[in-house]
Amino acid sequence: AKSSLSASRTFNLNQGEKNGILKDQAVIVGAGVIIGKILSVEKNSSIVLLLTDHNSRLAVSLEGETISGGILRGNQGLSLILDFAPLDAVLKPKQKVLTAGVEPGIPQGLIAGEIESLIPAEDSLFQTAVVKPMIDYDKLTVVGVVE
């Protein structure tokens, strides 16, 4: 079941505490594409907060970079924004944005999206970019939860 609020991007899973689901676990599709994380858990169900939700935040790294990647946030339920990328990080179109593995329940190396474009900012200590999700969130049908 999906939320009907435009900026809110959540859905209900028919699996919960009795199935071993825990708050903050990664929710994926396919071969390691993260789409969100468990927001809350009941006995027989749980709620998933999608990465595109305006309340979503995820620590990320960048493919091919050894320095910190930044924070990926949802943008009004429509897209993803990479904030706080260091100035010395090389950001380029189609570069993969990966989970950093510093948050409980979120393993390192899951694919969150790819850089689509840079957002110019003068006198900033960080870089910002638009990140294209790897999947169409409106077509989700089957998901997995990472233990």
C-alpha atoms as a PDB file:
ATOM      1  CA  ALA A   1       0.000   0.000   0.000  1.00  0.00           C
ATOM      2  CA  LYS A   2       1.407   3.399  -0.973  1.00  0.00           C
ATOM      3  CA  SER A   3       0.885   6.777   0.677  1.00  0.00           C
ATOM      4  CA  SER A   4      -1.431   9.136  -1.197  1.00  0.00           C
ATOM      5  CA  LEU A   5       0.273  12.327   0.025  1.00  0.00           C
ATOM      6  CA  SER A   6       2.283  13.885  -2.804  1.00  0.00           C
ATOM      7  CA  ALA A   7       5.468  14.772  -0.881  1.00  0.00           C
ATOM      8  CA  SER A   8       5.226  11.744   1.389  1.00  0.00           C
ATOM      9  CA  ARG A   9       6.772   8.682  -0.174  1.00  0.00           C
ATOM     10  CA  THR A  10       6.050   5.690   2.052  1.00  0.00           C
ATOM     11  CA  PHE A  11       4.431   2.324   1.649  1.00  0.00           C
ATOM     12  CA  ASN A  12       3.332  -0.535   3.876  1.00  0.00           C
ATOM     13  CA  LEU A  13       4.902  -3.995   3.833  1.00  0.00           C
ATOM     14  CA  ASN A  14       2.923  -7.051   4.831  1.00  0.00           C
ATOM     15  CA  GLN A  15       5.908  -8.250   6.889  1.00  0.00           C
ATOM     16  CA  GLY A  16       6.775  -7.072  10.372  1.00  0.00           C
ATOM     17  CA  GLU A  17       8.354  -7.870  13.717  1.00  0.00           C
ATOM     18  CA  LYS A  18       7.275 -11.521  13.652  1.00  0.00           C
ATOM     19  CA  ASN A  19       9.166 -11.890  10.336  1.00  0.00           C
ATOM     20  CA  GLY A  20      12.373 -10.371  11.728  1.00  0.00           C
ATOM     21  CA  ILE A  21      11.919  -6.894  10.237  1.00  0.00           C
ATOM     22  CA  LEU A  22      13.718  -4.163  12.222  1.00  0.00           C
ATOM     23  CA  LYS A  23      13.605  -0.351  12.127  1.00  0.00           C
ATOM     24  CA  ASP A  24      16.252   1.230   9.839  1.00  0.00           C
ATOM     25  CA  GLN A  25      16.930  -1.899   7.739  1.00  0.00           C
ATOM     26  CA  ALA A  26      17.647  -1.279   4.057  1.00  0.00           C
ATOM     27  CA  VAL A  27      14.862  -1.992   1.554  1.00  0.00           C
ATOM     28  CA  ILE A  28      16.114  -3.042  -1.882  1.00  0.00           C
ATOM     29  CA  VAL A  29      15.029  -4.191  -5.310  1.00  0.00           C
ATOM     30  CA  GLY A  30      16.943  -6.341  -7.757  1.00  0.00           C
ATOM     31  CA  ALA A  31      20.637  -6.854  -7.203  1.00  0.00           C
ATOM     32  CA  GLY A  32      21.441  -4.328  -4.494  1.00  0.00           C
ATOM     33  CA  VAL A  33      19.513  -1.194  -5.456  1.00  0.00           C
ATOM     34  CA  ILE A  34      18.421   0.570  -2.268  1.00  0.00           C
ATOM     35  CA  ILE A  35      15.036   2.281  -2.454  1.00  0.00           C
ATOM     36  CA  GLY A  36      14.495   3.176   1.192  1.00  0.00           C
ATOM     37  CA  LYS A  37      14.625   1.995   4.764  1.00  0.00           C
ATOM     38  CA  ILE A  38      12.230   0.670   7.374  1.00  0.00           C
ATOM     39  CA  LEU A  39      10.641   3.618   9.174  1.00  0.00           C
ATOM     40  CA  SER A  40       8.523   1.738  11.726  1.00  0.00           C
ATOM     41  CA  VAL A  41       7.601  -1.843  12.554  1.00  0.00           C
ATOM     42  CA  GLU A  42       4.439  -3.480  13.899  1.00  0.00           C
ATOM     43  CA  LYS A  43       3.900  -7.159  14.654  1.00  0.00           C
ATOM     44  CA  ASN A  44       2.621  -8.063  11.151  1.00  0.00           C
ATOM     45  CA  SER A  45       3.551  -5.031   9.040  1.00  0.00           C
ATOM     46  CA  SER A  46       6.062  -2.247   8.605  1.00  0.00           C
ATOM     47  CA  ILE A  47       6.351   1.113   6.880  1.00  0.00           C
ATOM     48  CA  VAL A  48       9.072   1.877   4.324  1.00  0.00           C
ATOM     49  CA  LEU A  49      10.352   5.431   3.872  1.00  0.00           C
ATOM     50  CA  LEU A  50      11.464   5.800   0.254  1.00  0.00           C
ATOM     51  CA  LEU A  51      14.662   7.680  -0.555  1.00  0.00           C
ATOM     52  CA  THR A  52      12.636  10.247  -2.526  1.00  0.00           C
ATOM     53  CA  ASP A  53      10.597  11.265   0.557  1.00  0.00           C
ATOM     54  CA  HIS A  54      11.352  14.807   1.740  1.00  0.00           C
ATOM     55  CA  ASN A  55      12.258  13.415   5.207  1.00  0.00           C
ATOM     56  CA  SER A  56      14.723  10.825   3.893  1.00  0.00           C
ATOM     57  CA  ARG A  57      18.467  11.173   4.564  1.00  0.00           C
ATOM     58  CA  LEU A  58      21.143   8.597   3.706  1.00  0.00           C
ATOM     59  CA  ALA A  59      24.936   8.680   4.116  1.00  0.00           C
ATOM     60  CA  VAL A  60      26.501   7.900   0.741  1.00  0.00           C
ATOM     61  CA  SER A  61      29.817   7.463  -1.015  1.00  0.00           C
ATOM     62  CA  LEU A  62      30.697   7.961  -4.667  1.00  0.00           C
ATOM     63  CA  GLU A  63      31.880   5.314  -7.087  1.00  0.00           C
ATOM     64  CA  GLY A  64      35.596   5.744  -7.735  1.00  0.00           C
ATOM     65  CA  GLU A  65      36.132   8.141  -4.806  1.00  0.00           C
ATOM     66  CA  THR A  66      37.937   7.345  -1.565  1.00  0.00           C
ATOM     67  CA  ILE A  67      36.762  10.438   0.324  1.00  0.00           C
ATOM     68  CA  SER A  68      33.369  10.895   1.962  1.00  0.00           C
ATOM     69  CA  GLY A  69      30.471  11.235  -0.460  1.00  0.00           C
ATOM     70  CA  GLY A  70      27.869  13.268   1.383  1.00  0.00           C
ATOM     71  CA  ILE A  71      24.206  12.992   2.298  1.00  0.00           C
ATOM     72  CA  LEU A  72      21.497  11.894  -0.126  1.00  0.00           C
ATOM     73  CA  ARG A  73      18.069  13.423   0.530  1.00  0.00           C
ATOM     74  CA  GLY A  74      14.655  13.195  -1.009  1.00  0.00           C
ATOM     75  CA  ASN A  75      13.390  16.168  -2.963  1.00  0.00           C
ATOM     76  CA  GLN A  76       9.621  16.572  -2.467  1.00  0.00           C
ATOM     77  CA  GLY A  77       8.979  12.980  -3.513  1.00  0.00           C
ATOM     78  CA  LEU A  78      10.241  13.651  -7.028  1.00  0.00           C
ATOM     79  CA  SER A  79      14.002  13.171  -7.100  1.00  0.00           C
ATOM     80  CA  LEU A  80      17.179  12.842  -5.041  1.00  0.00           C
ATOM     81  CA  ILE A  81      19.710  15.510  -4.079  1.00  0.00           C
ATOM     82  CA  LEU A  82      23.298  14.872  -3.035  1.00  0.00           C
ATOM     83  CA  ASP A  83      24.356  17.431  -0.403  1.00  0.00           C
ATOM     84  CA  PHE A  84      27.656  18.011   1.399  1.00  0.00           C
ATOM     85  CA  ALA A  85      29.885  16.370  -1.227  1.00  0.00           C
ATOM     86  CA  PRO A  86      33.455  17.601  -0.582  1.00  0.00           C
ATOM     87  CA  LEU A  87      34.848  20.143  -3.040  1.00  0.00           C
ATOM     88  CA  ASP A  88      37.770  17.852  -3.884  1.00  0.00           C
ATOM     89  CA  ALA A  89      35.460  14.965  -4.858  1.00  0.00           C
ATOM     90  CA  VAL A  90      35.134  14.475  -8.610  1.00  0.00           C
ATOM     91  CA  LEU A  91      31.425  14.408  -9.500  1.00  0.00           C
ATOM     92  CA  LYS A  92      30.516  13.409 -13.027  1.00  0.00           C
ATOM     93  CA  PRO A  93      27.333  12.399 -14.871  1.00  0.00           C
ATOM     94  CA  LYS A  94      26.367   8.717 -14.564  1.00  0.00           C
ATOM     95  CA  GLN A  95      28.686   8.238 -11.563  1.00  0.00           C
ATOM     96  CA  LYS A  96      27.073   5.785  -9.124  1.00  0.00           C
ATOM     97  CA  VAL A  97      26.002   6.960  -5.675  1.00  0.00           C
ATOM     98  CA  LEU A  98      26.409   4.146  -3.133  1.00  0.00           C
ATOM     99  CA  THR A  99      25.518   3.608   0.509  1.00  0.00           C
ATOM    100  CA  ALA A 100      28.441   4.510   2.761  1.00  0.00           C
ATOM    101  CA  GLY A 101      27.805   1.749   5.294  1.00  0.00           C
ATOM    102  CA  VAL A 102      28.007   4.036   8.325  1.00  0.00           C
ATOM    103  CA  GLU A 103      24.346   3.757   9.357  1.00  0.00           C
ATOM    104  CA  PRO A 104      22.997   0.812  11.371  1.00  0.00           C
ATOM    105  CA  GLY A 105      21.039  -1.550   9.127  1.00  0.00           C
ATOM    106  CA  ILE A 106      22.418  -0.117   5.886  1.00  0.00           C
ATOM    107  CA  PRO A 107      25.328  -2.099   4.390  1.00  0.00           C
ATOM    108  CA  GLN A 108      28.031  -0.447   2.311  1.00  0.00           C
ATOM    109  CA  GLY A 109      27.874  -0.494  -1.480  1.00  0.00           C
ATOM    110  CA  LEU A 110      24.134  -0.603  -2.232  1.00  0.00           C
ATOM    111  CA  ILE A 111      23.332   1.494  -5.313  1.00  0.00           C
ATOM    112  CA  ALA A 112      21.100   4.517  -4.621  1.00  0.00           C
ATOM    113  CA  GLY A 113      21.306   6.234  -8.011  1.00  0.00           C
ATOM    114  CA  GLU A 114      23.638   8.036 -10.365  1.00  0.00           C
ATOM    115  CA  ILE A 115      24.716  11.649 -10.730  1.00  0.00           C
ATOM    116  CA  GLU A 116      22.505  13.415 -13.258  1.00  0.00           C
ATOM    117  CA  SER A 117      23.758  16.998 -12.996  1.00  0.00           C
ATOM    118  CA  LEU A 118      25.652  19.373 -10.729  1.00  0.00           C
ATOM    119  CA  ILE A 119      23.918  22.242  -8.967  1.00  0.00           C
ATOM    120  CA  PRO A 120      26.213  25.281  -9.172  1.00  0.00           C
ATOM    121  CA  ALA A 121      26.793  27.125  -5.903  1.00  0.00           C
ATOM    122  CA  GLU A 122      29.136  30.051  -5.408  1.00  0.00           C
ATOM    123  CA  ASP A 123      31.192  30.364  -2.225  1.00  0.00           C
ATOM    124  CA  SER A 124      30.142  26.958  -0.935  1.00  0.00           C
ATOM    125  CA  LEU A 125      32.304  24.554   1.034  1.00  0.00           C
ATOM    126  CA  PHE A 126      30.527  21.605  -0.584  1.00  0.00           C
ATOM    127  CA  GLN A 127      29.148  20.405  -3.923  1.00  0.00           C
ATOM    128  CA  THR A 128      25.514  19.583  -4.611  1.00  0.00           C
ATOM    129  CA  ALA A 129      24.120  17.371  -7.375  1.00  0.00           C
ATOM    130  CA  VAL A 130      20.858  15.975  -8.687  1.00  0.00           C
ATOM    131  CA  VAL A 131      20.852  12.180  -8.463  1.00  0.00           C
ATOM    132  CA  LYS A 132      18.735  10.046 -10.771  1.00  0.00           C
ATOM    133  CA  PRO A 133      17.193   7.020  -9.031  1.00  0.00           C
ATOM    134  CA  MET A 134      18.069   3.623 -10.510  1.00  0.00           C
ATOM    135  CA  ILE A 135      14.419   2.561 -10.727  1.00  0.00           C
ATOM    136  CA  ASP A 136      10.957   4.024 -11.269  1.00  0.00           C
ATOM    137  CA  TYR A 137       9.523   4.264  -7.745  1.00  0.00           C
ATOM    138  CA  ASP A 138       5.962   4.318  -9.073  1.00  0.00           C
ATOM    139  CA  LYS A 139       6.358   0.812 -10.501  1.00  0.00           C
ATOM    140  CA  LEU A 140       7.502  -0.976  -7.324  1.00  0.00           C
ATOM    141  CA  THR A 141       5.852  -4.331  -6.752  1.00  0.00           C
ATOM    142  CA  VAL A 142       8.351  -6.674  -5.056  1.00  0.00           C
ATOM    143  CA  VAL A 143      11.005  -5.522  -2.585  1.00  0.00           C
ATOM    144  CA  GLY A 144      13.470  -7.168  -0.214  1.00  0.00           C
ATOM    145  CA  VAL A 145      14.681  -6.203   3.251  1.00  0.00           C
ATOM    146  CA  VAL A 146      18.401  -6.591   3.986  1.00  0.00           C
ATOM    147  CA  GLU A 147      19.215  -8.354   7.271  1.00  0.00           C
END
